[in-house]
Amino acid sequence: MEVEQLSRLTKSSKNKLFYGVCSGIAEHFDIHPLGVRILFISLPASVVLYFILAFHLPEKHSSLY
């Protein structure tokens, strides 16, 4: 019996532009990071949300890959 490990939302360390928030969200949901970045740019309140997530999401460590 195989136990599936739940993935945790983290900041990306390999495909980031600023803090890795959008890339981390994209990796979590298995989608392209460009779509998440466009969504964050197009929504006015998302700038505040981005910075909140940038300081509260943990970094993805190599042991979690």
PDB file of N, CA and C in Angstrom:
ATOM      1  N   MET A   1       0.829  -1.169   0.000  1.00  0.00           N
ATOM      2  CA  MET A   1       0.000   0.000   0.000  1.00  0.00           C
ATOM      3  C   MET A   1       0.884   1.247   0.000  1.00  0.00           C
ATOM      4  N   GLU A   2       0.674   2.124  -0.973  1.00  0.00           N
ATOM      5  CA  GLU A   2       1.495   3.317  -1.103  1.00  0.00           C
ATOM      6  C   GLU A   2       0.797   4.504  -0.460  1.00  0.00           C
ATOM      7  N   VAL A   3       1.533   5.223   0.355  1.00  0.00           N
ATOM      8  CA  VAL A   3       0.986   6.399   1.018  1.00  0.00           C
ATOM      9  C   VAL A   3       1.392   7.622   0.215  1.00  0.00           C
ATOM     10  N   GLU A   4       0.407   8.412  -0.218  1.00  0.00           N
ATOM     11  CA  GLU A   4       0.687   9.616  -0.983  1.00  0.00           C
ATOM     12  C   GLU A   4       0.984  10.765  -0.029  1.00  0.00           C
ATOM     13  N   GLN A   5       2.121  11.419  -0.239  1.00  0.00           N
ATOM     14  CA  GLN A   5       2.500  12.529   0.624  1.00  0.00           C
ATOM     15  C   GLN A   5       1.824  13.797   0.110  1.00  0.00           C
ATOM     16  N   LEU A   6       1.202  14.537   1.016  1.00  0.00           N
ATOM     17  CA  LEU A   6       0.550  15.780   0.653  1.00  0.00           C
ATOM     18  C   LEU A   6       1.599  16.837   0.333  1.00  0.00           C
ATOM     19  N   SER A   7       1.390  17.545  -0.772  1.00  0.00           N
ATOM     20  CA  SER A   7       2.332  18.604  -1.104  1.00  0.00           C
ATOM     21  C   SER A   7       1.969  19.860  -0.325  1.00  0.00           C
ATOM     22  N   ARG A   8       2.969  20.581   0.038  1.00  0.00           N
ATOM     23  CA  ARG A   8       2.793  21.777   0.850  1.00  0.00           C
ATOM     24  C   ARG A   8       3.097  22.992  -0.027  1.00  0.00           C
ATOM     25  N   LEU A   9       2.338  24.037   0.135  1.00  0.00           N
ATOM     26  CA  LEU A   9       2.553  25.254  -0.630  1.00  0.00           C
ATOM     27  C   LEU A   9       3.806  25.953  -0.111  1.00  0.00           C
ATOM     28  N   THR A  10       4.791  26.092  -0.987  1.00  0.00           N
ATOM     29  CA  THR A  10       6.054  26.731  -0.635  1.00  0.00           C
ATOM     30  C   THR A  10       6.471  27.673  -1.752  1.00  0.00           C
ATOM     31  N   LYS A  11       7.440  28.530  -1.455  1.00  0.00           N
ATOM     32  CA  LYS A  11       8.020  29.372  -2.494  1.00  0.00           C
ATOM     33  C   LYS A  11       8.989  28.523  -3.312  1.00  0.00           C
ATOM     34  N   SER A  12       9.011  28.780  -4.606  1.00  0.00           N
ATOM     35  CA  SER A  12       9.913  28.033  -5.472  1.00  0.00           C
ATOM     36  C   SER A  12      11.328  28.590  -5.352  1.00  0.00           C
ATOM     37  N   SER A  13      12.298  27.717  -5.455  1.00  0.00           N
ATOM     38  CA  SER A  13      13.684  28.169  -5.425  1.00  0.00           C
ATOM     39  C   SER A  13      14.360  28.010  -6.777  1.00  0.00           C
ATOM     40  N   LYS A  14      13.648  27.450  -7.757  1.00  0.00           N
ATOM     41  CA  LYS A  14      14.290  27.214  -9.045  1.00  0.00           C
ATOM     42  C   LYS A  14      13.726  28.039 -10.196  1.00  0.00           C
ATOM     43  N   ASN A  15      12.524  28.541 -10.100  1.00  0.00           N
ATOM     44  CA  ASN A  15      11.917  29.272 -11.207  1.00  0.00           C
ATOM     45  C   ASN A  15      11.307  30.570 -10.689  1.00  0.00           C
ATOM     46  N   LYS A  16      12.103  31.348  -9.971  1.00  0.00           N
ATOM     47  CA  LYS A  16      11.537  32.539  -9.362  1.00  0.00           C
ATOM     48  C   LYS A  16      12.065  33.796 -10.035  1.00  0.00           C
ATOM     49  N   LEU A  17      11.239  34.837 -10.020  1.00  0.00           N
ATOM     50  CA  LEU A  17      11.664  36.140 -10.511  1.00  0.00           C
ATOM     51  C   LEU A  17      11.975  37.069  -9.352  1.00  0.00           C
ATOM     52  N   PHE A  18      11.062  37.178  -8.384  1.00  0.00           N
ATOM     53  CA  PHE A  18      11.296  38.030  -7.220  1.00  0.00           C
ATOM     54  C   PHE A  18      11.447  37.173  -5.960  1.00  0.00           C
ATOM     55  N   TYR A  19      10.352  36.704  -5.442  1.00  0.00           N
ATOM     56  CA  TYR A  19      10.390  35.907  -4.213  1.00  0.00           C
ATOM     57  C   TYR A  19      10.051  34.441  -4.440  1.00  0.00           C
ATOM     58  N   GLY A  20       9.556  34.080  -5.611  1.00  0.00           N
ATOM     59  CA  GLY A  20       9.211  32.695  -5.892  1.00  0.00           C
ATOM     60  C   GLY A  20       7.791  32.313  -5.520  1.00  0.00           C
ATOM     61  N   VAL A  21       6.955  33.309  -5.216  1.00  0.00           N
ATOM     62  CA  VAL A  21       5.580  33.029  -4.795  1.00  0.00           C
ATOM     63  C   VAL A  21       4.762  32.454  -5.951  1.00  0.00           C
ATOM     64  N   CYS A  22       4.762  33.125  -7.090  1.00  0.00           N
ATOM     65  CA  CYS A  22       3.961  32.669  -8.231  1.00  0.00           C
ATOM     66  C   CYS A  22       4.433  31.306  -8.731  1.00  0.00           C
ATOM     67  N   SER A  23       5.733  31.104  -8.773  1.00  0.00           N
ATOM     68  CA  SER A  23       6.259  29.807  -9.198  1.00  0.00           C
ATOM     69  C   SER A  23       5.922  28.709  -8.208  1.00  0.00           C
ATOM     70  N   GLY A  24       5.941  29.040  -6.933  1.00  0.00           N
ATOM     71  CA  GLY A  24       5.565  28.064  -5.913  1.00  0.00           C
ATOM     72  C   GLY A  24       4.106  27.660  -6.020  1.00  0.00           C
ATOM     73  N   ILE A  25       3.234  28.639  -6.282  1.00  0.00           N
ATOM     74  CA  ILE A  25       1.815  28.337  -6.469  1.00  0.00           C
ATOM     75  C   ILE A  25       1.628  27.484  -7.719  1.00  0.00           C
ATOM     76  N   ALA A  26       2.344  27.830  -8.794  1.00  0.00           N
ATOM     77  CA  ALA A  26       2.243  27.064 -10.036  1.00  0.00           C
ATOM     78  C   ALA A  26       2.731  25.627  -9.854  1.00  0.00           C
ATOM     79  N   GLU A  27       3.826  25.438  -9.139  1.00  0.00           N
ATOM     80  CA  GLU A  27       4.323  24.085  -8.880  1.00  0.00           C
ATOM     81  C   GLU A  27       3.336  23.296  -8.023  1.00  0.00           C
ATOM     82  N   HIS A  28       2.715  23.946  -7.064  1.00  0.00           N
ATOM     83  CA  HIS A  28       1.767  23.274  -6.179  1.00  0.00           C
ATOM     84  C   HIS A  28       0.557  22.749  -6.964  1.00  0.00           C
ATOM     85  N   PHE A  29       0.056  23.565  -7.896  1.00  0.00           N
ATOM     86  CA  PHE A  29      -1.120  23.176  -8.668  1.00  0.00           C
ATOM     87  C   PHE A  29      -0.765  22.568 -10.028  1.00  0.00           C
ATOM     88  N   ASP A  30       0.522  22.392 -10.302  1.00  0.00           N
ATOM     89  CA  ASP A  30       1.020  21.786 -11.537  1.00  0.00           C
ATOM     90  C   ASP A  30       0.521  22.532 -12.776  1.00  0.00           C
ATOM     91  N   ILE A  31       0.709  23.849 -12.776  1.00  0.00           N
ATOM     92  CA  ILE A  31       0.359  24.688 -13.916  1.00  0.00           C
ATOM     93  C   ILE A  31       1.567  25.548 -14.278  1.00  0.00           C
ATOM     94  N   HIS A  32       1.487  26.252 -15.399  1.00  0.00           N
ATOM     95  CA  HIS A  32       2.600  27.084 -15.854  1.00  0.00           C
ATOM     96  C   HIS A  32       2.664  28.364 -15.018  1.00  0.00           C
ATOM     97  N   PRO A  33       3.849  28.777 -14.580  1.00  0.00           N
ATOM     98  CA  PRO A  33       3.968  29.959 -13.726  1.00  0.00           C
ATOM     99  C   PRO A  33       3.551  31.262 -14.411  1.00  0.00           C
ATOM    100  N   LEU A  34       3.623  31.326 -15.727  1.00  0.00           N
ATOM    101  CA  LEU A  34       3.246  32.546 -16.431  1.00  0.00           C
ATOM    102  C   LEU A  34       1.774  32.885 -16.197  1.00  0.00           C
ATOM    103  N   GLY A  35       0.919  31.875 -16.175  1.00  0.00           N
ATOM    104  CA  GLY A  35      -0.501  32.105 -15.914  1.00  0.00           C
ATOM    105  C   GLY A  35      -0.741  32.676 -14.531  1.00  0.00           C
ATOM    106  N   VAL A  36      -0.013  32.186 -13.553  1.00  0.00           N
ATOM    107  CA  VAL A  36      -0.154  32.697 -12.181  1.00  0.00           C
ATOM    108  C   VAL A  36       0.362  34.129 -12.115  1.00  0.00           C
ATOM    109  N   ARG A  37       1.465  34.406 -12.803  1.00  0.00           N
ATOM    110  CA  ARG A  37       2.012  35.769 -12.802  1.00  0.00           C
ATOM    111  C   ARG A  37       1.046  36.751 -13.455  1.00  0.00           C
ATOM    112  N   ILE A  38       0.432  36.347 -14.566  1.00  0.00           N
ATOM    113  CA  ILE A  38      -0.544  37.216 -15.233  1.00  0.00           C
ATOM    114  C   ILE A  38      -1.740  37.463 -14.323  1.00  0.00           C
ATOM    115  N   LEU A  39      -2.183  36.438 -13.632  1.00  0.00           N
ATOM    116  CA  LEU A  39      -3.295  36.601 -12.694  1.00  0.00           C
ATOM    117  C   LEU A  39      -2.936  37.575 -11.574  1.00  0.00           C
ATOM    118  N   PHE A  40      -1.734  37.468 -11.032  1.00  0.00           N
ATOM    119  CA  PHE A  40      -1.314  38.374  -9.964  1.00  0.00           C
ATOM    120  C   PHE A  40      -1.187  39.808 -10.462  1.00  0.00           C
ATOM    121  N   ILE A  41      -0.757  40.001 -11.702  1.00  0.00           N
ATOM    122  CA  ILE A  41      -0.623  41.350 -12.252  1.00  0.00           C
ATOM    123  C   ILE A  41      -1.995  41.964 -12.523  1.00  0.00           C
ATOM    124  N   SER A  42      -2.948  41.157 -12.968  1.00  0.00           N
ATOM    125  CA  SER A  42      -4.250  41.679 -13.386  1.00  0.00           C
ATOM    126  C   SER A  42      -5.195  41.999 -12.229  1.00  0.00           C
ATOM    127  N   LEU A  43      -4.981  41.440 -11.073  1.00  0.00           N
ATOM    128  CA  LEU A  43      -5.861  41.692  -9.930  1.00  0.00           C
ATOM    129  C   LEU A  43      -5.218  42.716  -8.991  1.00  0.00           C
ATOM    130  N   PRO A  44      -5.887  43.837  -8.738  1.00  0.00           N
ATOM    131  CA  PRO A  44      -5.282  44.894  -7.912  1.00  0.00           C
ATOM    132  C   PRO A  44      -4.945  44.468  -6.479  1.00  0.00           C
ATOM    133  N   ALA A  45      -5.788  43.707  -5.841  1.00  0.00           N
ATOM    134  CA  ALA A  45      -5.544  43.314  -4.448  1.00  0.00           C
ATOM    135  C   ALA A  45      -4.455  42.254  -4.333  1.00  0.00           C
ATOM    136  N   SER A  46      -4.069  41.662  -5.442  1.00  0.00           N
ATOM    137  CA  SER A  46      -3.092  40.578  -5.380  1.00  0.00           C
ATOM    138  C   SER A  46      -1.688  41.068  -5.061  1.00  0.00           C
ATOM    139  N   VAL A  47      -1.404  42.345  -5.258  1.00  0.00           N
ATOM    140  CA  VAL A  47      -0.081  42.871  -4.907  1.00  0.00           C
ATOM    141  C   VAL A  47       0.129  42.766  -3.401  1.00  0.00           C
ATOM    142  N   VAL A  48      -0.881  43.120  -2.642  1.00  0.00           N
ATOM    143  CA  VAL A  48      -0.800  43.003  -1.185  1.00  0.00           C
ATOM    144  C   VAL A  48      -0.698  41.531  -0.791  1.00  0.00           C
ATOM    145  N   LEU A  49      -1.511  40.686  -1.406  1.00  0.00           N
ATOM    146  CA  LEU A  49      -1.478  39.251  -1.132  1.00  0.00           C
ATOM    147  C   LEU A  49      -0.114  38.659  -1.478  1.00  0.00           C
ATOM    148  N   TYR A  50       0.484  39.108  -2.583  1.00  0.00           N
ATOM    149  CA  TYR A  50       1.797  38.614  -2.990  1.00  0.00           C
ATOM    150  C   TYR A  50       2.833  38.856  -1.900  1.00  0.00           C
ATOM    151  N   PHE A  51       2.865  40.076  -1.369  1.00  0.00           N
ATOM    152  CA  PHE A  51       3.869  40.380  -0.349  1.00  0.00           C
ATOM    153  C   PHE A  51       3.592  39.682   0.974  1.00  0.00           C
ATOM    154  N   ILE A  52       2.327  39.467   1.287  1.00  0.00           N
ATOM    155  CA  ILE A  52       2.000  38.682   2.482  1.00  0.00           C
ATOM    156  C   ILE A  52       2.515  37.256   2.322  1.00  0.00           C
ATOM    157  N   LEU A  53       2.250  36.663   1.157  1.00  0.00           N
ATOM    158  CA  LEU A  53       2.729  35.299   0.903  1.00  0.00           C
ATOM    159  C   LEU A  53       4.254  35.247   0.824  1.00  0.00           C
ATOM    160  N   ALA A  54       4.870  36.282   0.283  1.00  0.00           N
ATOM    161  CA  ALA A  54       6.329  36.295   0.143  1.00  0.00           C
ATOM    162  C   ALA A  54       7.028  36.188   1.492  1.00  0.00           C
ATOM    163  N   PHE A  55       6.425  36.750   2.520  1.00  0.00           N
ATOM    164  CA  PHE A  55       7.071  36.720   3.829  1.00  0.00           C
ATOM    165  C   PHE A  55       6.564  35.601   4.737  1.00  0.00           C
ATOM    166  N   HIS A  56       5.462  34.937   4.358  1.00  0.00           N
ATOM    167  CA  HIS A  56       4.919  33.883   5.219  1.00  0.00           C
ATOM    168  C   HIS A  56       5.115  32.468   4.664  1.00  0.00           C
ATOM    169  N   LEU A  57       5.264  32.322   3.362  1.00  0.00           N
ATOM    170  CA  LEU A  57       5.475  30.978   2.804  1.00  0.00           C
ATOM    171  C   LEU A  57       6.900  30.531   3.052  1.00  0.00           C
ATOM    172  N   PRO A  58       7.093  29.270   3.411  1.00  0.00           N
ATOM    173  CA  PRO A  58       8.456  28.777   3.602  1.00  0.00           C
ATOM    174  C   PRO A  58       9.133  28.513   2.254  1.00  0.00           C
ATOM    175  N   GLU A  59      10.456  28.565   2.255  1.00  0.00           N
ATOM    176  CA  GLU A  59      11.230  28.191   1.068  1.00  0.00           C
ATOM    177  C   GLU A  59      11.151  26.688   0.869  1.00  0.00           C
ATOM    178  N   LYS A  60      11.184  26.257  -0.374  1.00  0.00           N
ATOM    179  CA  LYS A  60      11.212  24.828  -0.663  1.00  0.00           C
ATOM    180  C   LYS A  60      12.669  24.374  -0.557  1.00  0.00           C
ATOM    181  N   HIS A  61      12.926  23.454   0.330  1.00  0.00           N
ATOM    182  CA  HIS A  61      14.287  22.943   0.522  1.00  0.00           C
ATOM    183  C   HIS A  61      14.525  21.760  -0.391  1.00  0.00           C
ATOM    184  N   SER A  62      15.764  21.475  -0.672  1.00  0.00           N
ATOM    185  CA  SER A  62      16.102  20.383  -1.584  1.00  0.00           C
ATOM    186  C   SER A  62      15.641  19.036  -1.038  1.00  0.00           C
ATOM    187  N   SER A  63      15.474  18.918   0.264  1.00  0.00           N
ATOM    188  CA  SER A  63      15.017  17.656   0.836  1.00  0.00           C
ATOM    189  C   SER A  63      13.531  17.404   0.544  1.00  0.00           C
ATOM    190  N   LEU A  64      12.794  18.456   0.143  1.00  0.00           N
ATOM    191  CA  LEU A  64      11.367  18.307  -0.143  1.00  0.00           C
ATOM    192  C   LEU A  64      11.089  17.971  -1.594  1.00  0.00           C
ATOM    193  N   TYR A  65      12.090  17.956  -2.468  1.00  0.00           N
ATOM    194  CA  TYR A  65      11.872  17.681  -3.890  1.00  0.00           C
ATOM    195  C   TYR A  65      11.462  16.253  -4.114  1.00  0.00           C
TER     196      TYR A  65
END
